[in-house]
Amino acid sequence: MKALFLTVLIFSTAFLLYDRFATPAGQRVVFENPPLDLPEDSKPGAPSVDTTPSPRVTQDSPSPTSSTTSRDGFVPPQIESLESLTKNWTTIPTQAFPRQVKLSKPVKFRMAAGTSTLPAGSAAFALSAQSNVLLVAPTQSSQARGQIFVHDTDLPVQVRESYERWRRGRIEMAQAAWNKRQASPTSSAALLSLPSAVEPTGAPKRNADGSYDLLLASMKSGHVTDIKLNKIQRWGTPQQRTIDNQNTWAVSVFYETMAFCGPIDAEAQAQVRDGKIVRWIYPGSGEPVP
């Protein structure tokens, strides 16, 4: 019986050693190492898709970052929390990189010549993120690479500061647009009409440079503040659609805007009906463009 026990113990130990050191990552039964030299006691989550959040501002759903109605009647836009935008720090847009971060834990770097370690408190360059793990280098031009968890650096502090500036800016833009509408209530987007800027079909007339006088007039009148004329990249082609059970022309404008992580490419859509712009939305989410 003792011999049988020893035999089982020897085979079990051999299996565990093989599973730990010889089996390729992702195929292990018992052990599954985190990437590179990350701590054994806190594995990163599953990889996330590298996407950039579009600007998302809504007037309806509750949000922890929204504020109450002001005395003059202005209702601040409700903006997604930073945790929601980053999916609890598992999806950080590529626009956030590269940037210098401060390490709160030591990081081992691997290179062709061997390995080196930067101690806690050192500065390194974050190059990208996958799930909740940063790929870092000792300097921006170094070929050495290491990995560290997002929250073991000051990256969340840096991004939160950027987010707060962006959030305040979105509210200020919405306030400015609201003030302009209150000062000239008859110049709302739905009432702006330029007969000479519309084709007989009802579609907005396109200029030689691709722009549309109807859309430009709407922007210059302050109906949307997120789109800056000098940041427009290109103009879309009018598409005839049925919206609100009515014949409508939808025209996209592609432009650069600021998000919490820095400048991003965005798309806004003007919906034209009866020669007038009835609304501006983000076509991906259907939310109004501030």
C-alpha atoms as a PDB file:
ATOM      1  CA  MET A   1       0.000   0.000   0.000  1.00  0.00           C
ATOM      2  CA  LYS A   2       2.878   2.316   0.862  1.00  0.00           C
ATOM      3  CA  ALA A   3       4.551   1.517  -2.443  1.00  0.00           C
ATOM      4  CA  LEU A   4       1.336   2.333  -4.329  1.00  0.00           C
ATOM      5  CA  PHE A   5       1.065   5.662  -2.517  1.00  0.00           C
ATOM      6  CA  LEU A   6       4.648   6.573  -3.395  1.00  0.00           C
ATOM      7  CA  THR A   7       4.077   5.608  -7.027  1.00  0.00           C
ATOM      8  CA  VAL A   8       0.980   7.850  -7.245  1.00  0.00           C
ATOM      9  CA  LEU A   9       2.855  10.682  -5.535  1.00  0.00           C
ATOM     10  CA  ILE A  10       5.777  10.412  -7.978  1.00  0.00           C
ATOM     11  CA  PHE A  11       3.516  10.399 -11.045  1.00  0.00           C
ATOM     12  CA  SER A  12       1.443  13.315  -9.677  1.00  0.00           C
ATOM     13  CA  THR A  13       4.555  15.371  -9.020  1.00  0.00           C
ATOM     14  CA  ALA A  14       5.914  14.606 -12.486  1.00  0.00           C
ATOM     15  CA  PHE A  15       2.617  15.626 -14.093  1.00  0.00           C
ATOM     16  CA  LEU A  16       2.504  18.916 -12.168  1.00  0.00           C
ATOM     17  CA  LEU A  17       6.106  19.736 -13.127  1.00  0.00           C
ATOM     18  CA  TYR A  18       5.403  18.972 -16.778  1.00  0.00           C
ATOM     19  CA  ASP A  19       2.185  21.006 -16.721  1.00  0.00           C
ATOM     20  CA  ARG A  20       3.942  23.951 -15.070  1.00  0.00           C
ATOM     21  CA  PHE A  21       7.145  24.169 -17.100  1.00  0.00           C
ATOM     22  CA  ALA A  22       6.786  22.132 -20.321  1.00  0.00           C
ATOM     23  CA  THR A  23       3.190  22.629 -21.445  1.00  0.00           C
ATOM     24  CA  PRO A  24       2.639  25.670 -23.759  1.00  0.00           C
ATOM     25  CA  ALA A  25       0.736  28.617 -22.301  1.00  0.00           C
ATOM     26  CA  GLY A  26      -2.983  28.339 -22.870  1.00  0.00           C
ATOM     27  CA  GLN A  27      -2.885  24.501 -22.870  1.00  0.00           C
ATOM     28  CA  ARG A  28      -2.025  23.920 -19.206  1.00  0.00           C
ATOM     29  CA  VAL A  29      -4.443  21.989 -17.043  1.00  0.00           C
ATOM     30  CA  VAL A  30      -3.425  23.193 -13.575  1.00  0.00           C
ATOM     31  CA  PHE A  31      -1.120  26.192 -14.095  1.00  0.00           C
ATOM     32  CA  GLU A  32      -1.747  29.087 -16.384  1.00  0.00           C
ATOM     33  CA  ASN A  33       0.833  31.854 -16.133  1.00  0.00           C
ATOM     34  CA  PRO A  34      -0.013  35.536 -16.555  1.00  0.00           C
ATOM     35  CA  PRO A  35       1.886  37.347 -19.339  1.00  0.00           C
ATOM     36  CA  LEU A  36       5.642  37.801 -18.937  1.00  0.00           C
ATOM     37  CA  ASP A  37       6.587  38.620 -15.335  1.00  0.00           C
ATOM     38  CA  LEU A  38       3.284  39.757 -13.882  1.00  0.00           C
ATOM     39  CA  PRO A  39       2.453  38.803 -10.257  1.00  0.00           C
ATOM     40  CA  GLU A  40       1.219  35.223  -9.861  1.00  0.00           C
ATOM     41  CA  ASP A  41      -1.526  36.268  -7.455  1.00  0.00           C
ATOM     42  CA  SER A  42      -3.475  38.517  -9.850  1.00  0.00           C
ATOM     43  CA  LYS A  43      -3.890  37.335 -13.424  1.00  0.00           C
ATOM     44  CA  PRO A  44      -5.236  39.792 -15.991  1.00  0.00           C
ATOM     45  CA  GLY A  45      -8.676  39.300 -17.443  1.00  0.00           C
ATOM     46  CA  ALA A  46      -9.535  38.187 -20.972  1.00  0.00           C
ATOM     47  CA  PRO A  47      -8.143  40.303 -23.855  1.00  0.00           C
ATOM     48  CA  SER A  48     -10.439  43.006 -25.078  1.00  0.00           C
ATOM     49  CA  VAL A  49     -11.075  44.351 -28.542  1.00  0.00           C
ATOM     50  CA  ASP A  50      -9.038  47.471 -29.283  1.00  0.00           C
ATOM     51  CA  THR A  51     -11.707  50.062 -29.877  1.00  0.00           C
ATOM     52  CA  THR A  52     -12.014  53.758 -29.355  1.00  0.00           C
ATOM     53  CA  PRO A  53     -15.153  54.945 -27.596  1.00  0.00           C
ATOM     54  CA  SER A  54     -17.165  57.444 -29.611  1.00  0.00           C
ATOM     55  CA  PRO A  55     -18.330  60.590 -27.837  1.00  0.00           C
ATOM     56  CA  ARG A  56     -21.391  59.545 -25.879  1.00  0.00           C
ATOM     57  CA  VAL A  57     -23.639  62.174 -24.375  1.00  0.00           C
ATOM     58  CA  THR A  58     -27.254  61.505 -23.599  1.00  0.00           C
ATOM     59  CA  GLN A  59     -30.049  63.595 -22.172  1.00  0.00           C
ATOM     60  CA  ASP A  60     -32.186  60.720 -20.871  1.00  0.00           C
ATOM     61  CA  SER A  61     -30.385  57.992 -18.950  1.00  0.00           C
ATOM     62  CA  PRO A  62     -29.090  58.620 -15.417  1.00  0.00           C
ATOM     63  CA  SER A  63     -25.365  59.084 -14.938  1.00  0.00           C
ATOM     64  CA  PRO A  64     -23.140  59.647 -11.917  1.00  0.00           C
ATOM     65  CA  THR A  65     -21.435  62.511 -13.743  1.00  0.00           C
ATOM     66  CA  SER A  66     -24.589  64.483 -14.496  1.00  0.00           C
ATOM     67  CA  SER A  67     -25.670  67.505 -12.484  1.00  0.00           C
ATOM     68  CA  THR A  68     -29.039  68.963 -11.678  1.00  0.00           C
ATOM     69  CA  THR A  69     -30.987  71.520 -13.653  1.00  0.00           C
ATOM     70  CA  SER A  70     -29.660  75.047 -13.196  1.00  0.00           C
ATOM     71  CA  ARG A  71     -31.832  77.951 -12.118  1.00  0.00           C
ATOM     72  CA  ASP A  72     -32.115  79.192 -15.701  1.00  0.00           C
ATOM     73  CA  GLY A  73     -33.503  75.848 -16.868  1.00  0.00           C
ATOM     74  CA  PHE A  74     -30.373  74.425 -18.494  1.00  0.00           C
ATOM     75  CA  VAL A  75     -30.099  70.655 -18.058  1.00  0.00           C
ATOM     76  CA  PRO A  76     -26.450  69.520 -18.252  1.00  0.00           C
ATOM     77  CA  PRO A  77     -25.823  66.536 -20.525  1.00  0.00           C
ATOM     78  CA  GLN A  78     -25.390  63.223 -18.782  1.00  0.00           C
ATOM     79  CA  ILE A  79     -21.991  61.785 -19.599  1.00  0.00           C
ATOM     80  CA  GLU A  80     -20.801  58.234 -19.121  1.00  0.00           C
ATOM     81  CA  SER A  81     -18.485  57.600 -16.216  1.00  0.00           C
ATOM     82  CA  LEU A  82     -14.819  56.902 -16.887  1.00  0.00           C
ATOM     83  CA  GLU A  83     -15.248  53.353 -15.605  1.00  0.00           C
ATOM     84  CA  SER A  84     -18.001  52.778 -18.148  1.00  0.00           C
ATOM     85  CA  LEU A  85     -16.006  54.279 -21.022  1.00  0.00           C
ATOM     86  CA  THR A  86     -12.977  52.115 -20.207  1.00  0.00           C
ATOM     87  CA  LYS A  87     -15.047  49.051 -19.260  1.00  0.00           C
ATOM     88  CA  ASN A  88     -13.491  49.137 -15.794  1.00  0.00           C
ATOM     89  CA  TRP A  89     -10.033  49.821 -17.214  1.00  0.00           C
ATOM     90  CA  THR A  90      -9.996  46.808 -19.535  1.00  0.00           C
ATOM     91  CA  THR A  91     -10.328  48.882 -22.743  1.00  0.00           C
ATOM     92  CA  ILE A  92      -8.081  51.921 -23.040  1.00  0.00           C
ATOM     93  CA  PRO A  93      -8.121  53.695 -26.430  1.00  0.00           C
ATOM     94  CA  THR A  94      -4.964  53.674 -28.513  1.00  0.00           C
ATOM     95  CA  GLN A  95      -5.006  57.488 -28.476  1.00  0.00           C
ATOM     96  CA  ALA A  96      -3.831  57.333 -24.858  1.00  0.00           C
ATOM     97  CA  PHE A  97      -0.431  55.979 -25.947  1.00  0.00           C
ATOM     98  CA  PRO A  98       2.497  56.308 -25.854  1.00  0.00           C
ATOM     99  CA  ARG A  99       2.828  58.165 -22.587  1.00  0.00           C
ATOM    100  CA  GLN A 100       5.166  58.229 -19.622  1.00  0.00           C
ATOM    101  CA  VAL A 101       3.883  56.554 -16.467  1.00  0.00           C
ATOM    102  CA  LYS A 102       5.220  56.094 -12.959  1.00  0.00           C
ATOM    103  CA  LEU A 103       5.622  52.510 -11.734  1.00  0.00           C
ATOM    104  CA  SER A 104       4.396  51.569  -8.273  1.00  0.00           C
ATOM    105  CA  LYS A 105       5.883  48.072  -8.592  1.00  0.00           C
ATOM    106  CA  PRO A 106       9.149  46.830 -10.130  1.00  0.00           C
ATOM    107  CA  VAL A 107       9.016  45.638 -13.737  1.00  0.00           C
ATOM    108  CA  LYS A 108      11.328  43.157 -15.433  1.00  0.00           C
ATOM    109  CA  PHE A 109      12.169  44.024 -19.035  1.00  0.00           C
ATOM    110  CA  ARG A 110      13.208  41.479 -21.633  1.00  0.00           C
ATOM    111  CA  MET A 111      15.495  42.179 -24.561  1.00  0.00           C
ATOM    112  CA  ALA A 112      17.782  40.260 -26.885  1.00  0.00           C
ATOM    113  CA  ALA A 113      20.755  40.725 -24.570  1.00  0.00           C
ATOM    114  CA  GLY A 114      18.940  39.523 -21.466  1.00  0.00           C
ATOM    115  CA  THR A 115      16.758  41.107 -18.806  1.00  0.00           C
ATOM    116  CA  SER A 116      16.792  44.199 -16.625  1.00  0.00           C
ATOM    117  CA  THR A 117      14.529  45.523 -13.891  1.00  0.00           C
ATOM    118  CA  LEU A 118      13.210  48.995 -13.123  1.00  0.00           C
ATOM    119  CA  PRO A 119      12.346  49.474  -9.440  1.00  0.00           C
ATOM    120  CA  ALA A 120       9.114  50.900  -8.092  1.00  0.00           C
ATOM    121  CA  GLY A 121       9.040  54.680  -8.379  1.00  0.00           C
ATOM    122  CA  SER A 122      10.755  54.669 -11.765  1.00  0.00           C
ATOM    123  CA  ALA A 123       9.334  56.218 -14.933  1.00  0.00           C
ATOM    124  CA  ALA A 124       8.606  54.079 -17.992  1.00  0.00           C
ATOM    125  CA  PHE A 125       6.726  54.497 -21.259  1.00  0.00           C
ATOM    126  CA  ALA A 126       3.343  52.801 -21.674  1.00  0.00           C
ATOM    127  CA  LEU A 127       3.058  51.748 -25.323  1.00  0.00           C
ATOM    128  CA  SER A 128      -0.297  49.964 -25.417  1.00  0.00           C
ATOM    129  CA  ALA A 129      -2.839  48.115 -23.306  1.00  0.00           C
ATOM    130  CA  GLN A 130      -4.485  44.727 -23.529  1.00  0.00           C
ATOM    131  CA  SER A 131      -7.191  43.953 -21.034  1.00  0.00           C
ATOM    132  CA  ASN A 132      -5.905  45.482 -17.765  1.00  0.00           C
ATOM    133  CA  VAL A 133      -2.204  45.073 -18.620  1.00  0.00           C
ATOM    134  CA  LEU A 134       0.165  47.688 -20.020  1.00  0.00           C
ATOM    135  CA  LEU A 135       3.022  46.964 -22.394  1.00  0.00           C
ATOM    136  CA  VAL A 136       5.871  49.208 -21.226  1.00  0.00           C
ATOM    137  CA  ALA A 137       9.421  50.112 -22.232  1.00  0.00           C
ATOM    138  CA  PRO A 138      12.214  51.752 -20.192  1.00  0.00           C
ATOM    139  CA  THR A 139      12.385  54.587 -22.752  1.00  0.00           C
ATOM    140  CA  GLN A 140      10.280  55.482 -25.760  1.00  0.00           C
ATOM    141  CA  SER A 141      12.968  54.285 -28.190  1.00  0.00           C
ATOM    142  CA  SER A 142      14.017  51.156 -26.278  1.00  0.00           C
ATOM    143  CA  GLN A 143      13.396  47.695 -27.745  1.00  0.00           C
ATOM    144  CA  ALA A 144      13.074  46.161 -24.261  1.00  0.00           C
ATOM    145  CA  ARG A 145       9.554  45.235 -23.217  1.00  0.00           C
ATOM    146  CA  GLY A 146       7.833  44.489 -19.927  1.00  0.00           C
ATOM    147  CA  GLN A 147       4.293  44.236 -18.617  1.00  0.00           C
ATOM    148  CA  ILE A 148       2.543  45.662 -15.595  1.00  0.00           C
ATOM    149  CA  PHE A 149      -1.039  45.949 -14.447  1.00  0.00           C
ATOM    150  CA  VAL A 150      -2.738  49.276 -15.215  1.00  0.00           C
ATOM    151  CA  HIS A 151      -3.409  50.019 -11.551  1.00  0.00           C
ATOM    152  CA  ASP A 152       0.240  49.425 -10.657  1.00  0.00           C
ATOM    153  CA  THR A 153       1.016  52.702 -12.463  1.00  0.00           C
ATOM    154  CA  ASP A 154      -0.280  56.256 -12.294  1.00  0.00           C
ATOM    155  CA  LEU A 155      -2.024  55.884 -15.681  1.00  0.00           C
ATOM    156  CA  PRO A 156      -5.533  55.858 -14.128  1.00  0.00           C
ATOM    157  CA  VAL A 157      -4.749  59.162 -12.376  1.00  0.00           C
ATOM    158  CA  GLN A 158      -3.535  60.720 -15.630  1.00  0.00           C
ATOM    159  CA  VAL A 159      -6.540  59.511 -17.634  1.00  0.00           C
ATOM    160  CA  ARG A 160      -8.991  60.633 -14.944  1.00  0.00           C
ATOM    161  CA  GLU A 161      -7.564  64.157 -15.064  1.00  0.00           C
ATOM    162  CA  SER A 162      -8.018  64.196 -18.853  1.00  0.00           C
ATOM    163  CA  TYR A 163     -11.539  62.814 -18.484  1.00  0.00           C
ATOM    164  CA  GLU A 164     -12.557  65.525 -16.019  1.00  0.00           C
ATOM    165  CA  ARG A 165     -11.296  68.272 -18.354  1.00  0.00           C
ATOM    166  CA  TRP A 166     -13.171  66.649 -21.264  1.00  0.00           C
ATOM    167  CA  ARG A 167     -16.356  66.228 -19.206  1.00  0.00           C
ATOM    168  CA  ARG A 168     -16.344  69.875 -18.112  1.00  0.00           C
ATOM    169  CA  GLY A 169     -15.727  70.936 -21.708  1.00  0.00           C
ATOM    170  CA  ARG A 170     -18.724  68.934 -22.958  1.00  0.00           C
ATOM    171  CA  ILE A 171     -20.980  70.543 -20.360  1.00  0.00           C
ATOM    172  CA  GLU A 172     -19.667  74.015 -21.203  1.00  0.00           C
ATOM    173  CA  MET A 173     -20.314  73.427 -24.916  1.00  0.00           C
ATOM    174  CA  ALA A 174     -23.854  72.280 -24.182  1.00  0.00           C
ATOM    175  CA  GLN A 175     -24.416  75.319 -21.970  1.00  0.00           C
ATOM    176  CA  ALA A 176     -23.157  77.678 -24.687  1.00  0.00           C
ATOM    177  CA  ALA A 177     -25.431  76.071 -27.292  1.00  0.00           C
ATOM    178  CA  TRP A 178     -28.404  76.252 -24.907  1.00  0.00           C
ATOM    179  CA  ASN A 179     -27.719  79.928 -24.170  1.00  0.00           C
ATOM    180  CA  LYS A 180     -27.604  80.660 -27.893  1.00  0.00           C
ATOM    181  CA  ARG A 181     -30.910  78.893 -28.494  1.00  0.00           C
ATOM    182  CA  GLN A 182     -32.519  80.831 -25.656  1.00  0.00           C
ATOM    183  CA  ALA A 183     -31.249  84.127 -27.052  1.00  0.00           C
ATOM    184  CA  SER A 184     -32.594  83.313 -30.541  1.00  0.00           C
ATOM    185  CA  PRO A 185     -35.367  80.726 -30.116  1.00  0.00           C
ATOM    186  CA  THR A 186     -36.484  81.107 -33.724  1.00  0.00           C
ATOM    187  CA  SER A 187     -33.081  79.983 -35.046  1.00  0.00           C
ATOM    188  CA  SER A 188     -33.329  76.369 -33.920  1.00  0.00           C
ATOM    189  CA  ALA A 189     -32.065  73.653 -36.216  1.00  0.00           C
ATOM    190  CA  ALA A 190     -35.573  72.576 -37.127  1.00  0.00           C
ATOM    191  CA  LEU A 191     -36.484  76.101 -38.268  1.00  0.00           C
ATOM    192  CA  LEU A 192     -33.334  76.910 -40.237  1.00  0.00           C
ATOM    193  CA  SER A 193     -34.257  76.884 -43.900  1.00  0.00           C
ATOM    194  CA  LEU A 194     -32.197  77.856 -46.951  1.00  0.00           C
ATOM    195  CA  PRO A 195     -34.250  77.121 -50.092  1.00  0.00           C
ATOM    196  CA  SER A 196     -31.270  77.790 -52.363  1.00  0.00           C
ATOM    197  CA  ALA A 197     -29.245  75.143 -50.462  1.00  0.00           C
ATOM    198  CA  VAL A 198     -31.673  72.303 -51.211  1.00  0.00           C
ATOM    199  CA  GLU A 199     -32.101  70.214 -54.374  1.00  0.00           C
ATOM    200  CA  PRO A 200     -35.579  69.697 -55.922  1.00  0.00           C
ATOM    201  CA  THR A 201     -35.457  66.172 -54.451  1.00  0.00           C
ATOM    202  CA  GLY A 202     -35.169  67.643 -50.959  1.00  0.00           C
ATOM    203  CA  ALA A 203     -31.550  66.617 -50.520  1.00  0.00           C
ATOM    204  CA  PRO A 204     -29.101  69.297 -49.377  1.00  0.00           C
ATOM    205  CA  LYS A 205     -27.194  70.808 -52.312  1.00  0.00           C
ATOM    206  CA  ARG A 206     -23.519  69.876 -52.414  1.00  0.00           C
ATOM    207  CA  ASN A 207     -20.793  72.438 -53.116  1.00  0.00           C
ATOM    208  CA  ALA A 208     -17.762  71.852 -55.320  1.00  0.00           C
ATOM    209  CA  ASP A 209     -15.574  71.195 -52.250  1.00  0.00           C
ATOM    210  CA  GLY A 210     -18.009  68.554 -50.954  1.00  0.00           C
ATOM    211  CA  SER A 211     -19.571  70.720 -48.255  1.00  0.00           C
ATOM    212  CA  TYR A 212     -23.240  71.704 -47.869  1.00  0.00           C
ATOM    213  CA  ASP A 213     -24.408  75.262 -47.244  1.00  0.00           C
ATOM    214  CA  LEU A 214     -27.372  74.019 -45.205  1.00  0.00           C
ATOM    215  CA  LEU A 215     -25.130  72.059 -42.834  1.00  0.00           C
ATOM    216  CA  LEU A 216     -22.554  74.846 -42.648  1.00  0.00           C
ATOM    217  CA  ALA A 217     -25.265  77.365 -41.733  1.00  0.00           C
ATOM    218  CA  SER A 218     -26.474  75.046 -38.979  1.00  0.00           C
ATOM    219  CA  MET A 219     -22.955  74.716 -37.540  1.00  0.00           C
ATOM    220  CA  LYS A 220     -22.277  78.450 -37.730  1.00  0.00           C
ATOM    221  CA  SER A 221     -25.584  79.128 -35.981  1.00  0.00           C
ATOM    222  CA  GLY A 222     -24.449  77.041 -33.025  1.00  0.00           C
ATOM    223  CA  HIS A 223     -26.899  74.166 -33.441  1.00  0.00           C
ATOM    224  CA  VAL A 224     -23.963  71.806 -32.831  1.00  0.00           C
ATOM    225  CA  THR A 225     -20.828  72.786 -30.954  1.00  0.00           C
ATOM    226  CA  ASP A 226     -18.900  69.515 -31.129  1.00  0.00           C
ATOM    227  CA  ILE A 227     -18.120  69.956 -34.844  1.00  0.00           C
ATOM    228  CA  LYS A 228     -15.457  72.577 -35.507  1.00  0.00           C
ATOM    229  CA  LEU A 229     -15.249  73.773 -39.109  1.00  0.00           C
ATOM    230  CA  ASN A 230     -11.448  73.499 -39.153  1.00  0.00           C
ATOM    231  CA  LYS A 231     -11.630  69.899 -37.895  1.00  0.00           C
ATOM    232  CA  ILE A 232     -13.903  68.541 -40.641  1.00  0.00           C
ATOM    233  CA  GLN A 233     -12.141  65.777 -42.573  1.00  0.00           C
ATOM    234  CA  ARG A 234     -14.730  64.971 -45.236  1.00  0.00           C
ATOM    235  CA  TRP A 235     -18.430  65.143 -46.084  1.00  0.00           C
ATOM    236  CA  GLY A 236     -20.671  62.175 -46.788  1.00  0.00           C
ATOM    237  CA  THR A 237     -23.168  61.712 -49.629  1.00  0.00           C
ATOM    238  CA  PRO A 238     -26.874  62.316 -48.855  1.00  0.00           C
ATOM    239  CA  GLN A 239     -28.737  59.047 -48.257  1.00  0.00           C
ATOM    240  CA  GLN A 240     -32.513  58.903 -48.628  1.00  0.00           C
ATOM    241  CA  ARG A 241     -34.136  57.105 -45.699  1.00  0.00           C
ATOM    242  CA  THR A 242     -37.405  56.739 -43.850  1.00  0.00           C
ATOM    243  CA  ILE A 243     -37.039  58.248 -40.362  1.00  0.00           C
ATOM    244  CA  ASP A 244     -39.984  58.934 -38.057  1.00  0.00           C
ATOM    245  CA  ASN A 245     -42.096  57.374 -40.850  1.00  0.00           C
ATOM    246  CA  GLN A 246     -41.154  60.291 -43.088  1.00  0.00           C
ATOM    247  CA  ASN A 247     -38.882  60.693 -46.100  1.00  0.00           C
ATOM    248  CA  THR A 248     -35.583  62.067 -44.788  1.00  0.00           C
ATOM    249  CA  TRP A 249     -32.101  62.767 -46.157  1.00  0.00           C
ATOM    250  CA  ALA A 250     -29.213  61.721 -43.900  1.00  0.00           C
ATOM    251  CA  VAL A 251     -25.800  63.335 -44.435  1.00  0.00           C
ATOM    252  CA  SER A 252     -22.694  62.363 -42.456  1.00  0.00           C
ATOM    253  CA  VAL A 253     -19.877  64.695 -41.477  1.00  0.00           C
ATOM    254  CA  PHE A 254     -16.549  63.122 -40.543  1.00  0.00           C
ATOM    255  CA  TYR A 255     -14.399  65.218 -38.241  1.00  0.00           C
ATOM    256  CA  GLU A 256     -11.895  65.192 -35.411  1.00  0.00           C
ATOM    257  CA  THR A 257     -13.080  65.852 -31.890  1.00  0.00           C
ATOM    258  CA  MET A 258     -11.661  65.640 -28.411  1.00  0.00           C
ATOM    259  CA  ALA A 259     -12.440  62.698 -26.159  1.00  0.00           C
ATOM    260  CA  PHE A 260     -11.253  61.902 -22.661  1.00  0.00           C
ATOM    261  CA  CYS A 261      -8.190  60.143 -24.104  1.00  0.00           C
ATOM    262  CA  GLY A 262      -7.278  62.803 -26.661  1.00  0.00           C
ATOM    263  CA  PRO A 263      -8.329  63.563 -30.254  1.00  0.00           C
ATOM    264  CA  ILE A 264     -10.427  60.914 -32.009  1.00  0.00           C
ATOM    265  CA  ASP A 265     -12.194  60.573 -35.355  1.00  0.00           C
ATOM    266  CA  ALA A 266     -15.952  60.968 -35.087  1.00  0.00           C
ATOM    267  CA  GLU A 267     -18.999  60.911 -37.334  1.00  0.00           C
ATOM    268  CA  ALA A 268     -22.072  63.087 -36.954  1.00  0.00           C
ATOM    269  CA  GLN A 269     -25.197  62.882 -39.071  1.00  0.00           C
ATOM    270  CA  ALA A 270     -27.540  65.678 -40.099  1.00  0.00           C
ATOM    271  CA  GLN A 271     -31.094  64.586 -40.842  1.00  0.00           C
ATOM    272  CA  VAL A 272     -32.790  66.837 -43.415  1.00  0.00           C
ATOM    273  CA  ARG A 273     -36.507  66.897 -44.087  1.00  0.00           C
ATOM    274  CA  ASP A 274     -38.599  69.392 -46.054  1.00  0.00           C
ATOM    275  CA  GLY A 275     -35.458  71.434 -46.699  1.00  0.00           C
ATOM    276  CA  LYS A 276     -34.656  71.809 -42.995  1.00  0.00           C
ATOM    277  CA  ILE A 277     -32.312  70.067 -40.552  1.00  0.00           C
ATOM    278  CA  VAL A 278     -34.505  68.332 -37.998  1.00  0.00           C
ATOM    279  CA  ARG A 279     -31.702  66.905 -35.846  1.00  0.00           C
ATOM    280  CA  TRP A 280     -28.006  66.069 -35.517  1.00  0.00           C
ATOM    281  CA  ILE A 281     -27.114  62.637 -34.130  1.00  0.00           C
ATOM    282  CA  TYR A 282     -24.215  60.232 -33.739  1.00  0.00           C
ATOM    283  CA  PRO A 283     -25.242  57.503 -36.222  1.00  0.00           C
ATOM    284  CA  GLY A 284     -23.691  54.697 -34.179  1.00  0.00           C
ATOM    285  CA  SER A 285     -25.669  55.362 -31.025  1.00  0.00           C
ATOM    286  CA  GLY A 286     -28.466  57.674 -32.136  1.00  0.00           C
ATOM    287  CA  GLU A 287     -27.541  60.135 -29.392  1.00  0.00           C
ATOM    288  CA  PRO A 288     -27.822  63.875 -30.092  1.00  0.00           C
ATOM    289  CA  VAL A 289     -24.665  65.770 -31.057  1.00  0.00           C
ATOM    290  CA  PRO A 290     -24.049  68.541 -28.527  1.00  0.00           C
END
